[in-house]
N, C-alpha and C. Protein backbone atom coordinates (compact mmCIF):
# COMPACT_ATOMS: atom_id res chain seq x y z
N MET A 1 67.05 118.57 132.37
CA MET A 1 67.27 117.42 132.89
C MET A 1 66.84 116.25 131.81
N ALA A 2 66.01 116.24 131.08
CA ALA A 2 65.86 115.41 129.98
C ALA A 2 67.03 115.15 129.19
N ALA A 3 67.50 116.23 128.81
CA ALA A 3 68.73 116.27 127.71
C ALA A 3 69.92 115.30 128.29
N VAL A 4 70.19 115.81 129.71
CA VAL A 4 71.29 115.05 130.47
C VAL A 4 70.98 113.68 130.68
N LEU A 5 69.71 113.14 130.87
CA LEU A 5 69.35 111.56 131.00
C LEU A 5 69.36 110.97 129.68
N ILE A 6 68.98 111.67 128.76
CA ILE A 6 69.01 110.99 127.39
C ILE A 6 70.47 110.90 126.66
N GLY A 7 71.42 111.99 127.04
CA GLY A 7 72.93 111.78 126.84
C GLY A 7 73.40 110.73 127.64
N LEU A 8 73.20 110.67 128.83
CA LEU A 8 73.78 109.58 129.62
C LEU A 8 73.03 108.26 128.98
N GLY A 9 71.98 107.97 128.58
CA GLY A 9 71.55 106.77 127.86
C GLY A 9 72.13 106.37 126.67
N LEU A 10 72.26 107.34 125.86
CA LEU A 10 73.12 107.03 124.72
C LEU A 10 74.32 106.73 124.81
N GLY A 11 75.17 107.15 125.86
CA GLY A 11 76.36 106.85 126.11
C GLY A 11 76.36 105.60 126.75
N ALA A 12 75.63 105.11 127.49
CA ALA A 12 75.58 103.74 127.89
C ALA A 12 75.37 102.57 126.80
N GLU A 13 74.53 102.85 125.83
CA GLU A 13 74.14 102.00 124.89
C GLU A 13 75.45 101.89 124.12
N ILE A 14 76.18 102.82 123.62
CA ILE A 14 77.21 102.66 122.90
C ILE A 14 78.57 101.84 123.41
N ASP A 15 78.50 102.36 124.79
CA ASP A 15 79.55 101.52 125.50
C ASP A 15 79.23 99.89 125.83
N LEU A 16 77.91 99.62 125.92
CA LEU A 16 77.64 98.39 126.06
C LEU A 16 77.71 97.49 124.82
N ILE A 17 77.86 98.15 123.63
CA ILE A 17 77.81 97.26 122.65
C ILE A 17 79.30 96.56 122.66
N ALA A 18 80.46 97.64 122.97
CA ALA A 18 81.90 96.91 123.03
C ALA A 18 81.71 96.02 124.22
N PHE A 19 81.40 96.25 125.38
CA PHE A 19 81.53 95.53 126.72
C PHE A 19 80.62 94.05 126.42
N MET A 20 79.57 94.18 125.88
CA MET A 20 78.78 92.86 125.70
C MET A 20 79.45 92.07 124.55
N GLN A 21 79.97 92.67 123.48
CA GLN A 21 80.75 91.88 122.35
C GLN A 21 82.16 91.32 122.91
N SER A 22 82.70 91.95 123.61
CA SER A 22 83.94 91.36 124.26
C SER A 22 83.83 90.35 125.25
N ARG A 23 82.55 90.35 126.12
CA ARG A 23 82.28 89.04 127.06
C ARG A 23 81.89 87.99 126.30
N TYR A 24 81.05 88.14 125.00
CA TYR A 24 80.28 87.13 124.52
C TYR A 24 80.77 86.29 123.21
N PHE A 25 81.65 87.35 122.44
CA PHE A 25 82.35 87.05 121.48
C PHE A 25 83.87 86.97 121.36
N GLY A 26 84.47 87.46 122.37
CA GLY A 26 86.00 87.37 122.59
C GLY A 26 86.58 88.59 122.07
N HIS A 27 87.93 88.47 122.04
CA HIS A 27 88.65 89.64 121.39
C HIS A 27 89.44 88.95 120.03
N LYS A 28 89.29 88.01 119.58
CA LYS A 28 90.09 87.35 118.49
C LYS A 28 89.46 88.36 117.32
N ALA A 29 88.34 88.55 117.05
CA ALA A 29 87.81 89.52 115.93
C ALA A 29 87.01 90.59 116.34
N PHE A 30 87.44 91.24 117.56
CA PHE A 30 87.03 92.36 117.93
C PHE A 30 86.34 93.39 117.03
N GLY A 31 87.26 93.98 116.10
CA GLY A 31 87.12 95.27 115.59
C GLY A 31 85.93 94.69 114.18
N GLU A 32 85.99 93.53 113.85
CA GLU A 32 85.24 93.32 112.93
C GLU A 32 83.70 93.05 113.24
N ILE A 33 83.50 92.26 114.53
CA ILE A 33 82.16 92.28 114.94
C ILE A 33 81.84 93.48 115.53
N TYR A 34 82.44 94.07 116.24
CA TYR A 34 82.04 95.30 116.89
C TYR A 34 81.65 96.39 115.48
N GLY A 35 82.24 96.36 114.58
CA GLY A 35 81.81 97.10 113.31
C GLY A 35 80.33 96.76 112.87
N TYR A 36 80.21 95.35 112.85
CA TYR A 36 78.82 94.93 112.51
C TYR A 36 77.82 95.62 113.53
N PHE A 37 78.21 95.11 114.53
CA PHE A 37 77.06 95.78 115.81
C PHE A 37 76.76 97.17 115.82
N PHE A 38 78.11 97.91 115.56
CA PHE A 38 77.83 99.51 115.50
C PHE A 38 77.11 99.96 114.22
N ALA A 39 77.44 99.13 113.25
CA ALA A 39 76.57 99.59 112.02
C ALA A 39 75.29 99.34 112.34
N ILE A 40 74.77 98.16 112.53
CA ILE A 40 73.36 97.89 112.90
C ILE A 40 72.64 98.97 113.89
N PHE A 41 73.51 99.47 114.96
CA PHE A 41 72.98 100.30 115.82
C PHE A 41 72.82 101.82 115.05
N MET A 42 73.83 102.10 114.39
CA MET A 42 73.64 103.25 113.59
C MET A 42 72.64 103.54 112.47
N PHE A 43 72.33 102.32 111.98
CA PHE A 43 71.45 102.28 110.87
C PHE A 43 69.93 102.43 111.64
N ALA A 44 69.78 101.65 112.77
CA ALA A 44 68.57 101.74 113.54
C ALA A 44 68.48 103.09 114.06
N SER A 45 69.51 103.98 114.43
CA SER A 45 69.15 105.29 115.08
C SER A 45 68.88 106.23 113.80
N GLY A 46 69.33 106.23 112.79
CA GLY A 46 68.84 106.78 111.81
C GLY A 46 67.26 106.61 111.04
N PHE A 47 67.32 105.18 110.84
CA PHE A 47 65.83 104.87 110.43
C PHE A 47 64.62 105.05 111.17
N GLY A 48 65.05 104.80 112.47
CA GLY A 48 63.97 105.02 113.67
C GLY A 48 63.23 106.26 113.62
N PRO A 49 63.95 107.31 113.67
CA PRO A 49 63.10 108.57 113.46
C PRO A 49 62.28 108.71 112.04
N PHE A 50 62.86 108.30 111.08
CA PHE A 50 62.08 108.34 109.97
C PHE A 50 60.69 107.32 109.85
N LEU A 51 60.92 106.22 110.60
CA LEU A 51 59.71 105.24 110.71
C LEU A 51 58.85 106.06 111.57
N MET A 52 59.08 106.77 112.77
CA MET A 52 58.36 107.48 113.54
C MET A 52 57.60 108.48 112.85
N GLY A 53 58.25 109.32 111.82
CA GLY A 53 57.83 110.24 111.11
C GLY A 53 56.43 109.67 110.10
N GLN A 54 56.93 108.74 109.48
CA GLN A 54 56.05 107.94 108.76
C GLN A 54 54.67 107.49 109.47
N THR A 55 54.84 107.00 110.71
CA THR A 55 53.81 106.46 111.14
C THR A 55 52.76 107.55 111.74
N PHE A 56 53.37 108.91 112.14
CA PHE A 56 52.65 109.98 112.39
C PHE A 56 51.81 110.66 111.17
N ARG A 57 52.48 110.63 110.09
CA ARG A 57 51.94 110.89 108.61
C ARG A 57 50.81 110.10 108.42
N ILE A 58 50.98 108.76 108.78
CA ILE A 58 49.75 108.00 108.04
C ILE A 58 48.73 107.80 109.16
N SER A 59 49.13 107.89 110.56
CA SER A 59 48.15 107.80 111.42
C SER A 59 47.76 108.98 112.26
N GLY A 60 48.50 109.95 112.06
CA GLY A 60 48.17 111.21 112.59
C GLY A 60 48.63 111.21 114.37
N SER A 61 49.33 110.12 114.74
CA SER A 61 49.73 110.12 116.09
C SER A 61 50.99 109.04 116.07
N TYR A 62 51.69 109.50 117.22
CA TYR A 62 53.08 108.58 117.57
C TYR A 62 52.77 107.49 118.12
N GLU A 63 51.40 107.36 118.63
CA GLU A 63 51.23 106.20 119.62
C GLU A 63 51.51 104.71 119.18
N PRO A 64 51.12 104.49 117.82
CA PRO A 64 51.41 103.04 117.11
C PRO A 64 52.79 102.77 117.25
N PHE A 65 53.62 103.95 117.06
CA PHE A 65 55.29 103.60 117.04
C PHE A 65 55.68 103.35 118.17
N LEU A 66 55.26 104.04 119.18
CA LEU A 66 55.58 104.15 120.57
C LEU A 66 55.21 102.53 121.30
N LEU A 67 54.08 102.37 120.72
CA LEU A 67 53.55 101.02 121.28
C LEU A 67 54.57 99.93 120.91
N VAL A 68 54.78 99.88 119.72
CA VAL A 68 55.72 98.96 118.98
C VAL A 68 57.09 98.94 119.74
N SER A 69 57.45 100.28 119.72
CA SER A 69 58.96 100.35 120.39
C SER A 69 58.81 99.79 122.02
N MET A 70 57.87 100.04 122.70
CA MET A 70 57.56 99.70 123.85
C MET A 70 57.77 98.03 123.99
N VAL A 71 57.09 97.44 123.02
CA VAL A 71 56.83 95.94 123.19
C VAL A 71 58.59 95.39 122.69
N GLY A 72 58.96 96.14 121.66
CA GLY A 72 60.42 95.61 121.35
C GLY A 72 61.44 95.73 122.52
N LEU A 73 61.25 96.94 123.21
CA LEU A 73 62.24 97.13 124.54
C LEU A 73 61.71 96.13 125.61
N GLY A 74 60.67 95.71 125.76
CA GLY A 74 60.27 94.50 126.63
C GLY A 74 60.94 93.17 126.10
N ILE A 75 61.01 92.86 124.86
CA ILE A 75 61.54 91.65 124.38
C ILE A 75 63.09 91.80 124.56
N ALA A 76 63.58 92.98 124.29
CA ALA A 76 65.07 93.19 124.70
C ALA A 76 65.38 92.90 125.96
N CYS A 77 64.64 93.49 126.84
CA CYS A 77 64.91 93.29 128.29
C CYS A 77 64.89 91.82 128.57
N LEU A 78 63.95 91.25 128.20
CA LEU A 78 63.74 89.67 128.54
C LEU A 78 65.05 88.90 127.83
N LEU A 79 65.44 89.21 126.62
CA LEU A 79 66.64 88.54 126.21
C LEU A 79 67.69 88.80 127.01
N MET A 80 68.00 90.06 127.41
CA MET A 80 68.97 90.18 128.23
C MET A 80 69.26 89.53 129.47
N VAL A 81 67.94 89.48 130.23
CA VAL A 81 67.91 88.90 131.29
C VAL A 81 68.29 87.37 131.31
N ALA A 82 67.94 86.90 130.02
CA ALA A 82 68.24 85.44 129.54
C ALA A 82 69.38 85.00 129.16
N LEU A 83 70.37 85.92 129.12
CA LEU A 83 71.80 85.74 128.56
C LEU A 83 72.46 84.77 129.65
N ARG A 84 73.26 83.95 129.21
CA ARG A 84 74.00 82.96 130.44
C ARG A 84 75.19 83.83 130.68
N ARG A 85 75.59 83.57 131.86
CA ARG A 85 76.68 84.24 132.36
C ARG A 85 77.92 83.89 132.00
N THR A 86 78.91 84.75 131.56
CA THR A 86 80.08 84.42 130.89
C THR A 86 80.88 84.02 131.93
N PRO A 87 82.04 82.92 131.46
CA PRO A 87 83.05 82.44 132.43
C PRO A 87 84.22 83.36 132.73
N GLU A 88 84.34 83.50 134.20
CA GLU A 88 85.42 84.36 134.42
C GLU A 88 86.73 84.07 133.66
N ARG A 89 87.35 85.17 132.97
CA ARG A 89 88.47 84.77 132.55
C ARG A 89 89.73 85.13 133.55
N VAL A 90 90.83 84.24 133.29
CA VAL A 90 91.73 84.14 134.46
C VAL A 90 93.03 85.08 133.46
N VAL A 91 93.58 86.01 134.27
CA VAL A 91 94.40 86.63 133.43
C VAL A 91 95.82 86.14 133.98
N PRO A 92 96.61 85.75 132.92
CA PRO A 92 97.80 84.99 133.33
C PRO A 92 98.98 85.81 133.90
N ALA A 93 99.59 85.43 135.05
CA ALA A 93 100.63 86.13 135.69
C ALA A 93 101.69 86.32 134.66
N HIS A 94 102.41 87.72 134.58
CA HIS A 94 103.73 87.88 133.78
C HIS A 94 104.96 87.19 134.23
N VAL A 95 105.59 86.31 133.26
CA VAL A 95 106.72 86.04 133.95
C VAL A 95 107.82 86.99 133.75
N THR A 96 108.34 87.42 134.88
CA THR A 96 109.72 88.23 134.76
C THR A 96 111.03 87.61 134.59
């Protein structure tokens, strides 16, 4: 069950990058901006486990890293709540 929930969570994170980027930055330079966001996401995904291992090596516990991660997650949640609502986009009718 944990593996399924983790898989669903990871899938949602990656999809949210594209969704949020298109809503807040538009489509003009979608590929370039998405590339930057995805690179940051992938760097953090790779560097996070390394930092967690170093924290365990130094302190003998994962707790300090998890507490910092928990604070970061709380800040990220507050920032998401503070985002302004994007204007509704009107799709023009096709002229036949």
